[in-house]
Amino acid sequence: MDFDNLLGFIAACLTTAAFIPQTYHSITTKDLSGISLGMYAAFTCGVVLWMIYGYRIDSAPILLANLITFVLSVTILYLKIQHQLEERRESKK
């Protein structure tokens, strides 16, 4: 593996791992009050574009990191949408 790819994999590991605590916290506590739906929706769309870019330029670090980040961010996005739907149902009671 050349230095550029090694550097890419290290950066990918660090930036992707940064989402693990937030995802874990969101799943275990169900507290999504501090999560912005708009931000996570835009971020998740951006991650999809990064995945496409990584595929098109044949960059394993970009593709792999963004694939993992996509799974983590879409989990938080799903939980946030579920949380908002539950809040709406509760407010209608």
PDB file of N, CA and C in Angstrom:
ATOM      1  N   MET A   1       0.856  -1.180   0.000  1.00  0.00           N
ATOM      2  CA  MET A   1       0.000   0.000   0.000  1.00  0.00           C
ATOM      3  C   MET A   1       0.896   1.235   0.000  1.00  0.00           C
ATOM      4  N   ASP A   2       0.581   2.157  -0.869  1.00  0.00           N
ATOM      5  CA  ASP A   2       1.394   3.372  -0.946  1.00  0.00           C
ATOM      6  C   ASP A   2       1.000   4.357   0.166  1.00  0.00           C
ATOM      7  N   PHE A   3       1.847   5.348   0.366  1.00  0.00           N
ATOM      8  CA  PHE A   3       1.657   6.306   1.456  1.00  0.00           C
ATOM      9  C   PHE A   3       0.335   7.060   1.347  1.00  0.00           C
ATOM     10  N   ASP A   4      -0.045   7.455   0.144  1.00  0.00           N
ATOM     11  CA  ASP A   4      -1.289   8.211  -0.026  1.00  0.00           C
ATOM     12  C   ASP A   4      -2.504   7.404   0.420  1.00  0.00           C
ATOM     13  N   ASN A   5      -2.564   6.132   0.039  1.00  0.00           N
ATOM     14  CA  ASN A   5      -3.680   5.300   0.471  1.00  0.00           C
ATOM     15  C   ASN A   5      -3.645   5.034   1.971  1.00  0.00           C
ATOM     16  N   LEU A   6      -2.461   4.848   2.522  1.00  0.00           N
ATOM     17  CA  LEU A   6      -2.337   4.667   3.965  1.00  0.00           C
ATOM     18  C   LEU A   6      -2.843   5.902   4.697  1.00  0.00           C
ATOM     19  N   LEU A   7      -2.439   7.060   4.241  1.00  0.00           N
ATOM     20  CA  LEU A   7      -2.902   8.313   4.826  1.00  0.00           C
ATOM     21  C   LEU A   7      -4.430   8.422   4.721  1.00  0.00           C
ATOM     22  N   GLY A   8      -4.965   8.056   3.566  1.00  0.00           N
ATOM     23  CA  GLY A   8      -6.409   8.083   3.366  1.00  0.00           C
ATOM     24  C   GLY A   8      -7.134   7.138   4.312  1.00  0.00           C
ATOM     25  N   PHE A   9      -6.620   5.937   4.494  1.00  0.00           N
ATOM     26  CA  PHE A   9      -7.255   4.984   5.396  1.00  0.00           C
ATOM     27  C   PHE A   9      -7.203   5.464   6.849  1.00  0.00           C
ATOM     28  N   ILE A  10      -6.107   6.049   7.258  1.00  0.00           N
ATOM     29  CA  ILE A  10      -6.008   6.574   8.629  1.00  0.00           C
ATOM     30  C   ILE A  10      -7.007   7.705   8.831  1.00  0.00           C
ATOM     31  N   ALA A  11      -7.058   8.638   7.890  1.00  0.00           N
ATOM     32  CA  ALA A  11      -8.031   9.740   7.981  1.00  0.00           C
ATOM     33  C   ALA A  11      -9.449   9.205   7.980  1.00  0.00           C
ATOM     34  N   ALA A  12      -9.727   8.224   7.137  1.00  0.00           N
ATOM     35  CA  ALA A  12     -11.057   7.628   7.057  1.00  0.00           C
ATOM     36  C   ALA A  12     -11.446   6.973   8.380  1.00  0.00           C
ATOM     37  N   CYS A  13     -10.520   6.258   8.975  1.00  0.00           N
ATOM     38  CA  CYS A  13     -10.800   5.606  10.262  1.00  0.00           C
ATOM     39  C   CYS A  13     -11.129   6.629  11.338  1.00  0.00           C
ATOM     40  N   LEU A  14     -10.372   7.693  11.396  1.00  0.00           N
ATOM     41  CA  LEU A  14     -10.594   8.703  12.431  1.00  0.00           C
ATOM     42  C   LEU A  14     -11.920   9.441  12.245  1.00  0.00           C
ATOM     43  N   THR A  15     -12.201   9.877  11.027  1.00  0.00           N
ATOM     44  CA  THR A  15     -13.433  10.646  10.813  1.00  0.00           C
ATOM     45  C   THR A  15     -14.672   9.762  10.911  1.00  0.00           C
ATOM     46  N   THR A  16     -14.562   8.527  10.487  1.00  0.00           N
ATOM     47  CA  THR A  16     -15.691   7.603  10.590  1.00  0.00           C
ATOM     48  C   THR A  16     -15.923   7.211  12.042  1.00  0.00           C
ATOM     49  N   ALA A  17     -14.870   6.927  12.767  1.00  0.00           N
ATOM     50  CA  ALA A  17     -14.991   6.536  14.173  1.00  0.00           C
ATOM     51  C   ALA A  17     -15.618   7.646  15.017  1.00  0.00           C
ATOM     52  N   ALA A  18     -15.483   8.872  14.573  1.00  0.00           N
ATOM     53  CA  ALA A  18     -16.064   9.988  15.320  1.00  0.00           C
ATOM     54  C   ALA A  18     -17.582   9.900  15.406  1.00  0.00           C
ATOM     55  N   PHE A  19     -18.221   9.182  14.492  1.00  0.00           N
ATOM     56  CA  PHE A  19     -19.676   9.046  14.511  1.00  0.00           C
ATOM     57  C   PHE A  19     -20.161   7.932  15.429  1.00  0.00           C
ATOM     58  N   ILE A  20     -19.287   7.048  15.819  1.00  0.00           N
ATOM     59  CA  ILE A  20     -19.709   5.907  16.637  1.00  0.00           C
ATOM     60  C   ILE A  20     -20.277   6.341  17.986  1.00  0.00           C
ATOM     61  N   PRO A  21     -19.639   7.245  18.732  1.00  0.00           N
ATOM     62  CA  PRO A  21     -20.221   7.642  20.019  1.00  0.00           C
ATOM     63  C   PRO A  21     -21.618   8.273  19.885  1.00  0.00           C
ATOM     64  N   GLN A  22     -21.816   9.107  18.867  1.00  0.00           N
ATOM     65  CA  GLN A  22     -23.128   9.742  18.684  1.00  0.00           C
ATOM     66  C   GLN A  22     -24.185   8.706  18.326  1.00  0.00           C
ATOM     67  N   THR A  23     -23.836   7.779  17.466  1.00  0.00           N
ATOM     68  CA  THR A  23     -24.779   6.731  17.083  1.00  0.00           C
ATOM     69  C   THR A  23     -25.121   5.866  18.291  1.00  0.00           C
ATOM     70  N   TYR A  24     -24.121   5.467  19.043  1.00  0.00           N
ATOM     71  CA  TYR A  24     -24.341   4.660  20.248  1.00  0.00           C
ATOM     72  C   TYR A  24     -25.229   5.401  21.242  1.00  0.00           C
ATOM     73  N   HIS A  25     -24.919   6.664  21.481  1.00  0.00           N
ATOM     74  CA  HIS A  25     -25.706   7.485  22.408  1.00  0.00           C
ATOM     75  C   HIS A  25     -27.159   7.590  21.936  1.00  0.00           C
ATOM     76  N   SER A  26     -27.350   7.821  20.655  1.00  0.00           N
ATOM     77  CA  SER A  26     -28.694   7.969  20.105  1.00  0.00           C
ATOM     78  C   SER A  26     -29.500   6.685  20.242  1.00  0.00           C
ATOM     79  N   ILE A  27     -28.857   5.549  20.006  1.00  0.00           N
ATOM     80  CA  ILE A  27     -29.545   4.263  20.101  1.00  0.00           C
ATOM     81  C   ILE A  27     -29.877   3.926  21.548  1.00  0.00           C
ATOM     82  N   THR A  28     -28.932   4.114  22.444  1.00  0.00           N
ATOM     83  CA  THR A  28     -29.129   3.675  23.824  1.00  0.00           C
ATOM     84  C   THR A  28     -30.009   4.602  24.645  1.00  0.00           C
ATOM     85  N   THR A  29     -29.921   5.898  24.417  1.00  0.00           N
ATOM     86  CA  THR A  29     -30.696   6.836  25.231  1.00  0.00           C
ATOM     87  C   THR A  29     -31.992   7.280  24.570  1.00  0.00           C
ATOM     88  N   LYS A  30     -32.074   7.131  23.262  1.00  0.00           N
ATOM     89  CA  LYS A  30     -33.221   7.628  22.479  1.00  0.00           C
ATOM     90  C   LYS A  30     -33.367   9.143  22.616  1.00  0.00           C
ATOM     91  N   ASP A  31     -32.314   9.812  23.097  1.00  0.00           N
ATOM     92  CA  ASP A  31     -32.324  11.268  23.221  1.00  0.00           C
ATOM     93  C   ASP A  31     -31.755  11.868  21.948  1.00  0.00           C
ATOM     94  N   LEU A  32     -32.648  12.372  21.117  1.00  0.00           N
ATOM     95  CA  LEU A  32     -32.238  12.984  19.858  1.00  0.00           C
ATOM     96  C   LEU A  32     -32.598  14.463  19.825  1.00  0.00           C
ATOM     97  N   SER A  33     -32.833  15.037  20.996  1.00  0.00           N
ATOM     98  CA  SER A  33     -33.258  16.431  21.066  1.00  0.00           C
ATOM     99  C   SER A  33     -32.205  17.391  20.529  1.00  0.00           C
ATOM    100  N   GLY A  34     -30.948  17.030  20.638  1.00  0.00           N
ATOM    101  CA  GLY A  34     -29.883  17.904  20.161  1.00  0.00           C
ATOM    102  C   GLY A  34     -29.472  17.641  18.724  1.00  0.00           C
ATOM    103  N   ILE A  35     -30.187  16.759  18.050  1.00  0.00           N
ATOM    104  CA  ILE A  35     -29.853  16.386  16.676  1.00  0.00           C
ATOM    105  C   ILE A  35     -30.715  17.193  15.712  1.00  0.00           C
ATOM    106  N   SER A  36     -30.088  17.800  14.736  1.00  0.00           N
ATOM    107  CA  SER A  36     -30.801  18.568  13.723  1.00  0.00           C
ATOM    108  C   SER A  36     -31.159  17.654  12.551  1.00  0.00           C
ATOM    109  N   LEU A  37     -32.460  17.534  12.279  1.00  0.00           N
ATOM    110  CA  LEU A  37     -32.915  16.703  11.171  1.00  0.00           C
ATOM    111  C   LEU A  37     -32.364  17.214   9.845  1.00  0.00           C
ATOM    112  N   GLY A  38     -32.418  18.506   9.631  1.00  0.00           N
ATOM    113  CA  GLY A  38     -31.918  19.081   8.389  1.00  0.00           C
ATOM    114  C   GLY A  38     -30.434  18.839   8.187  1.00  0.00           C
ATOM    115  N   MET A  39     -29.663  18.978   9.252  1.00  0.00           N
ATOM    116  CA  MET A  39     -28.219  18.771   9.165  1.00  0.00           C
ATOM    117  C   MET A  39     -27.913  17.324   8.825  1.00  0.00           C
ATOM    118  N   TYR A  40     -28.562  16.386   9.508  1.00  0.00           N
ATOM    119  CA  TYR A  40     -28.278  14.973   9.248  1.00  0.00           C
ATOM    120  C   TYR A  40     -28.776  14.537   7.884  1.00  0.00           C
ATOM    121  N   ALA A  41     -29.874  15.105   7.411  1.00  0.00           N
ATOM    122  CA  ALA A  41     -30.364  14.782   6.064  1.00  0.00           C
ATOM    123  C   ALA A  41     -29.357  15.270   5.019  1.00  0.00           C
ATOM    124  N   ALA A  42     -28.897  16.503   5.163  1.00  0.00           N
ATOM    125  CA  ALA A  42     -27.917  17.050   4.222  1.00  0.00           C
ATOM    126  C   ALA A  42     -26.599  16.286   4.306  1.00  0.00           C
ATOM    127  N   PHE A  43     -26.179  15.975   5.516  1.00  0.00           N
ATOM    128  CA  PHE A  43     -24.933  15.247   5.707  1.00  0.00           C
ATOM    129  C   PHE A  43     -24.999  13.870   5.058  1.00  0.00           C
ATOM    130  N   THR A  44     -26.106  13.167   5.268  1.00  0.00           N
ATOM    131  CA  THR A  44     -26.263  11.829   4.704  1.00  0.00           C
ATOM    132  C   THR A  44     -26.260  11.877   3.179  1.00  0.00           C
ATOM    133  N   CYS A  45     -26.902  12.870   2.596  1.00  0.00           N
ATOM    134  CA  CYS A  45     -26.859  13.041   1.134  1.00  0.00           C
ATOM    135  C   CYS A  45     -25.425  13.300   0.671  1.00  0.00           C
ATOM    136  N   GLY A  46     -24.697  14.110   1.416  1.00  0.00           N
ATOM    137  CA  GLY A  46     -23.296  14.378   1.083  1.00  0.00           C
ATOM    138  C   GLY A  46     -22.447  13.128   1.159  1.00  0.00           C
ATOM    139  N   VAL A  47     -22.707  12.279   2.137  1.00  0.00           N
ATOM    140  CA  VAL A  47     -21.963  11.027   2.278  1.00  0.00           C
ATOM    141  C   VAL A  47     -22.228  10.121   1.072  1.00  0.00           C
ATOM    142  N   VAL A  48     -23.476  10.090   0.615  1.00  0.00           N
ATOM    143  CA  VAL A  48     -23.790   9.295  -0.584  1.00  0.00           C
ATOM    144  C   VAL A  48     -22.988   9.810  -1.780  1.00  0.00           C
ATOM    145  N   LEU A  49     -22.905  11.121  -1.921  1.00  0.00           N
ATOM    146  CA  LEU A  49     -22.123  11.687  -3.027  1.00  0.00           C
ATOM    147  C   LEU A  49     -20.640  11.358  -2.892  1.00  0.00           C
ATOM    148  N   TRP A  50     -20.115  11.361  -1.667  1.00  0.00           N
ATOM    149  CA  TRP A  50     -18.720  10.971  -1.446  1.00  0.00           C
ATOM    150  C   TRP A  50     -18.503   9.507  -1.813  1.00  0.00           C
ATOM    151  N   MET A  51     -19.491   8.657  -1.504  1.00  0.00           N
ATOM    152  CA  MET A  51     -19.372   7.251  -1.883  1.00  0.00           C
ATOM    153  C   MET A  51     -19.310   7.108  -3.403  1.00  0.00           C
ATOM    154  N   ILE A  52     -20.175   7.822  -4.092  1.00  0.00           N
ATOM    155  CA  ILE A  52     -20.173   7.780  -5.552  1.00  0.00           C
ATOM    156  C   ILE A  52     -18.832   8.285  -6.091  1.00  0.00           C
ATOM    157  N   TYR A  53     -18.352   9.372  -5.518  1.00  0.00           N
ATOM    158  CA  TYR A  53     -17.057   9.929  -5.929  1.00  0.00           C
ATOM    159  C   TYR A  53     -15.935   8.919  -5.691  1.00  0.00           C
ATOM    160  N   GLY A  54     -15.918   8.313  -4.511  1.00  0.00           N
ATOM    161  CA  GLY A  54     -14.889   7.318  -4.205  1.00  0.00           C
ATOM    162  C   GLY A  54     -14.919   6.148  -5.165  1.00  0.00           C
ATOM    163  N   TYR A  55     -16.114   5.725  -5.532  1.00  0.00           N
ATOM    164  CA  TYR A  55     -16.253   4.641  -6.505  1.00  0.00           C
ATOM    165  C   TYR A  55     -15.731   5.070  -7.875  1.00  0.00           C
ATOM    166  N   ARG A  56     -16.116   6.269  -8.290  1.00  0.00           N
ATOM    167  CA  ARG A  56     -15.748   6.745  -9.630  1.00  0.00           C
ATOM    168  C   ARG A  56     -14.241   6.945  -9.786  1.00  0.00           C
ATOM    169  N   ILE A  57     -13.563   7.358  -8.717  1.00  0.00           N
ATOM    170  CA  ILE A  57     -12.111   7.549  -8.820  1.00  0.00           C
ATOM    171  C   ILE A  57     -11.343   6.321  -8.328  1.00  0.00           C
ATOM    172  N   ASP A  58     -12.090   5.271  -7.994  1.00  0.00           N
ATOM    173  CA  ASP A  58     -11.501   4.016  -7.547  1.00  0.00           C
ATOM    174  C   ASP A  58     -10.637   4.204  -6.303  1.00  0.00           C
ATOM    175  N   SER A  59     -11.206   4.903  -5.322  1.00  0.00           N
ATOM    176  CA  SER A  59     -10.493   5.164  -4.070  1.00  0.00           C
ATOM    177  C   SER A  59     -11.129   4.366  -2.938  1.00  0.00           C
ATOM    178  N   ALA A  60     -10.483   3.295  -2.552  1.00  0.00           N
ATOM    179  CA  ALA A  60     -10.996   2.449  -1.475  1.00  0.00           C
ATOM    180  C   ALA A  60     -11.161   3.206  -0.156  1.00  0.00           C
ATOM    181  N   PRO A  61     -10.194   4.047   0.252  1.00  0.00           N
ATOM    182  CA  PRO A  61     -10.378   4.756   1.530  1.00  0.00           C
ATOM    183  C   PRO A  61     -11.630   5.638   1.531  1.00  0.00           C
ATOM    184  N   ILE A  62     -11.863   6.365   0.459  1.00  0.00           N
ATOM    185  CA  ILE A  62     -13.027   7.255   0.396  1.00  0.00           C
ATOM    186  C   ILE A  62     -14.313   6.435   0.355  1.00  0.00           C
ATOM    187  N   LEU A  63     -14.341   5.414  -0.448  1.00  0.00           N
ATOM    188  CA  LEU A  63     -15.538   4.593  -0.583  1.00  0.00           C
ATOM    189  C   LEU A  63     -15.865   3.870   0.717  1.00  0.00           C
ATOM    190  N   LEU A  64     -14.906   3.204   1.305  1.00  0.00           N
ATOM    191  CA  LEU A  64     -15.137   2.430   2.521  1.00  0.00           C
ATOM    192  C   LEU A  64     -15.534   3.316   3.704  1.00  0.00           C
ATOM    193  N   ALA A  65     -14.803   4.387   3.891  1.00  0.00           N
ATOM    194  CA  ALA A  65     -15.104   5.283   5.015  1.00  0.00           C
ATOM    195  C   ALA A  65     -16.512   5.853   4.901  1.00  0.00           C
ATOM    196  N   ASN A  66     -16.881   6.255   3.709  1.00  0.00           N
ATOM    197  CA  ASN A  66     -18.194   6.854   3.540  1.00  0.00           C
ATOM    198  C   ASN A  66     -19.315   5.820   3.568  1.00  0.00           C
ATOM    199  N   LEU A  67     -19.028   4.604   3.207  1.00  0.00           N
ATOM    200  CA  LEU A  67     -20.015   3.538   3.339  1.00  0.00           C
ATOM    201  C   LEU A  67     -20.330   3.291   4.816  1.00  0.00           C
ATOM    202  N   ILE A  68     -19.296   3.218   5.625  1.00  0.00           N
ATOM    203  CA  ILE A  68     -19.498   3.024   7.065  1.00  0.00           C
ATOM    204  C   ILE A  68     -20.173   4.248   7.676  1.00  0.00           C
ATOM    205  N   THR A  69     -19.720   5.434   7.306  1.00  0.00           N
ATOM    206  CA  THR A  69     -20.330   6.660   7.816  1.00  0.00           C
ATOM    207  C   THR A  69     -21.789   6.748   7.399  1.00  0.00           C
ATOM    208  N   PHE A  70     -22.107   6.300   6.191  1.00  0.00           N
ATOM    209  CA  PHE A  70     -23.495   6.288   5.738  1.00  0.00           C
ATOM    210  C   PHE A  70     -24.365   5.434   6.656  1.00  0.00           C
ATOM    211  N   VAL A  71     -23.892   4.255   6.996  1.00  0.00           N
ATOM    212  CA  VAL A  71     -24.666   3.373   7.880  1.00  0.00           C
ATOM    213  C   VAL A  71     -24.905   4.055   9.232  1.00  0.00           C
ATOM    214  N   LEU A  72     -23.874   4.677   9.768  1.00  0.00           N
ATOM    215  CA  LEU A  72     -24.006   5.354  11.061  1.00  0.00           C
ATOM    216  C   LEU A  72     -24.933   6.565  10.967  1.00  0.00           C
ATOM    217  N   SER A  73     -24.759   7.383   9.944  1.00  0.00           N
ATOM    218  CA  SER A  73     -25.565   8.605   9.842  1.00  0.00           C
ATOM    219  C   SER A  73     -27.012   8.305   9.482  1.00  0.00           C
ATOM    220  N   VAL A  74     -27.249   7.295   8.657  1.00  0.00           N
ATOM    221  CA  VAL A  74     -28.634   6.958   8.321  1.00  0.00           C
ATOM    222  C   VAL A  74     -29.335   6.353   9.535  1.00  0.00           C
ATOM    223  N   THR A  75     -28.595   5.697  10.415  1.00  0.00           N
ATOM    224  CA  THR A  75     -29.173   5.194  11.666  1.00  0.00           C
ATOM    225  C   THR A  75     -29.663   6.354  12.518  1.00  0.00           C
ATOM    226  N   ILE A  76     -28.829   7.365  12.678  1.00  0.00           N
ATOM    227  CA  ILE A  76     -29.219   8.540  13.466  1.00  0.00           C
ATOM    228  C   ILE A  76     -30.370   9.264  12.785  1.00  0.00           C
ATOM    229  N   LEU A  77     -30.315   9.402  11.477  1.00  0.00           N
ATOM    230  CA  LEU A  77     -31.380  10.063  10.730  1.00  0.00           C
ATOM    231  C   LEU A  77     -32.712   9.322  10.921  1.00  0.00           C
ATOM    232  N   TYR A  78     -32.687   8.008  10.818  1.00  0.00           N
ATOM    233  CA  TYR A  78     -33.893   7.200  11.017  1.00  0.00           C
ATOM    234  C   TYR A  78     -34.447   7.400  12.426  1.00  0.00           C
ATOM    235  N   LEU A  79     -33.563   7.335  13.426  1.00  0.00           N
ATOM    236  CA  LEU A  79     -34.004   7.518  14.812  1.00  0.00           C
ATOM    237  C   LEU A  79     -34.596   8.907  15.028  1.00  0.00           C
ATOM    238  N   LYS A  80     -34.006   9.921  14.418  1.00  0.00           N
ATOM    239  CA  LYS A  80     -34.511  11.290  14.556  1.00  0.00           C
ATOM    240  C   LYS A  80     -35.895  11.418  13.936  1.00  0.00           C
ATOM    241  N   ILE A  81     -36.087  10.835  12.770  1.00  0.00           N
ATOM    242  CA  ILE A  81     -37.408  10.892  12.128  1.00  0.00           C
ATOM    243  C   ILE A  81     -38.429  10.157  12.984  1.00  0.00           C
ATOM    244  N   GLN A  82     -38.071   8.981  13.493  1.00  0.00           N
ATOM    245  CA  GLN A  82     -38.975   8.231  14.372  1.00  0.00           C
ATOM    246  C   GLN A  82     -39.316   9.042  15.618  1.00  0.00           C
ATOM    247  N   HIS A  83     -38.311   9.705  16.180  1.00  0.00           N
ATOM    248  CA  HIS A  83     -38.510  10.526  17.378  1.00  0.00           C
ATOM    249  C   HIS A  83     -39.492  11.665  17.097  1.00  0.00           C
ATOM    250  N   GLN A  84     -39.331  12.324  15.978  1.00  0.00           N
ATOM    251  CA  GLN A  84     -40.232  13.429  15.640  1.00  0.00           C
ATOM    252  C   GLN A  84     -41.647  12.935  15.380  1.00  0.00           C
ATOM    253  N   LEU A  85     -41.789  11.784  14.733  1.00  0.00           N
ATOM    254  CA  LEU A  85     -43.121  11.222  14.503  1.00  0.00           C
ATOM    255  C   LEU A  85     -43.801  10.864  15.820  1.00  0.00           C
ATOM    256  N   GLU A  86     -43.048  10.306  16.760  1.00  0.00           N
ATOM    257  CA  GLU A  86     -43.599   9.978  18.076  1.00  0.00           C
ATOM    258  C   GLU A  86     -44.022  11.237  18.827  1.00  0.00           C
ATOM    259  N   GLU A  87     -43.204  12.291  18.736  1.00  0.00           N
ATOM    260  CA  GLU A  87     -43.561  13.554  19.394  1.00  0.00           C
ATOM    261  C   GLU A  87     -44.858  14.116  18.831  1.00  0.00           C
ATOM    262  N   ARG A  88     -45.032  14.038  17.518  1.00  0.00           N
ATOM    263  CA  ARG A  88     -46.260  14.518  16.896  1.00  0.00           C
ATOM    264  C   ARG A  88     -47.468  13.719  17.345  1.00  0.00           C
ATOM    265  N   ARG A  89     -47.307  12.388  17.429  1.00  0.00           N
ATOM    266  CA  ARG A  89     -48.410  11.531  17.891  1.00  0.00           C
ATOM    267  C   ARG A  89     -48.781  11.870  19.326  1.00  0.00           C
ATOM    268  N   GLU A  90     -47.763  12.078  20.168  1.00  0.00           N
ATOM    269  CA  GLU A  90     -48.017  12.418  21.573  1.00  0.00           C
ATOM    270  C   GLU A  90     -48.705  13.762  21.713  1.00  0.00           C
ATOM    271  N   SER A  91     -48.346  14.715  20.887  1.00  0.00           N
ATOM    272  CA  SER A  91     -48.943  16.056  21.002  1.00  0.00           C
ATOM    273  C   SER A  91     -50.384  16.069  20.525  1.00  0.00           C
ATOM    274  N   LYS A  92     -50.791  15.101  19.724  1.00  0.00           N
ATOM    275  CA  LYS A  92     -52.170  15.027  19.228  1.00  0.00           C
ATOM    276  C   LYS A  92     -53.100  14.346  20.217  1.00  0.00           C
ATOM    277  N   LYS A  93     -52.553  13.688  21.229  1.00  0.00           N
ATOM    278  CA  LYS A  93     -53.375  12.987  22.230  1.00  0.00           C
ATOM    279  C   LYS A  93     -54.026  13.944  23.182  1.00  0.00           C
TER     280      LYS A  93
END
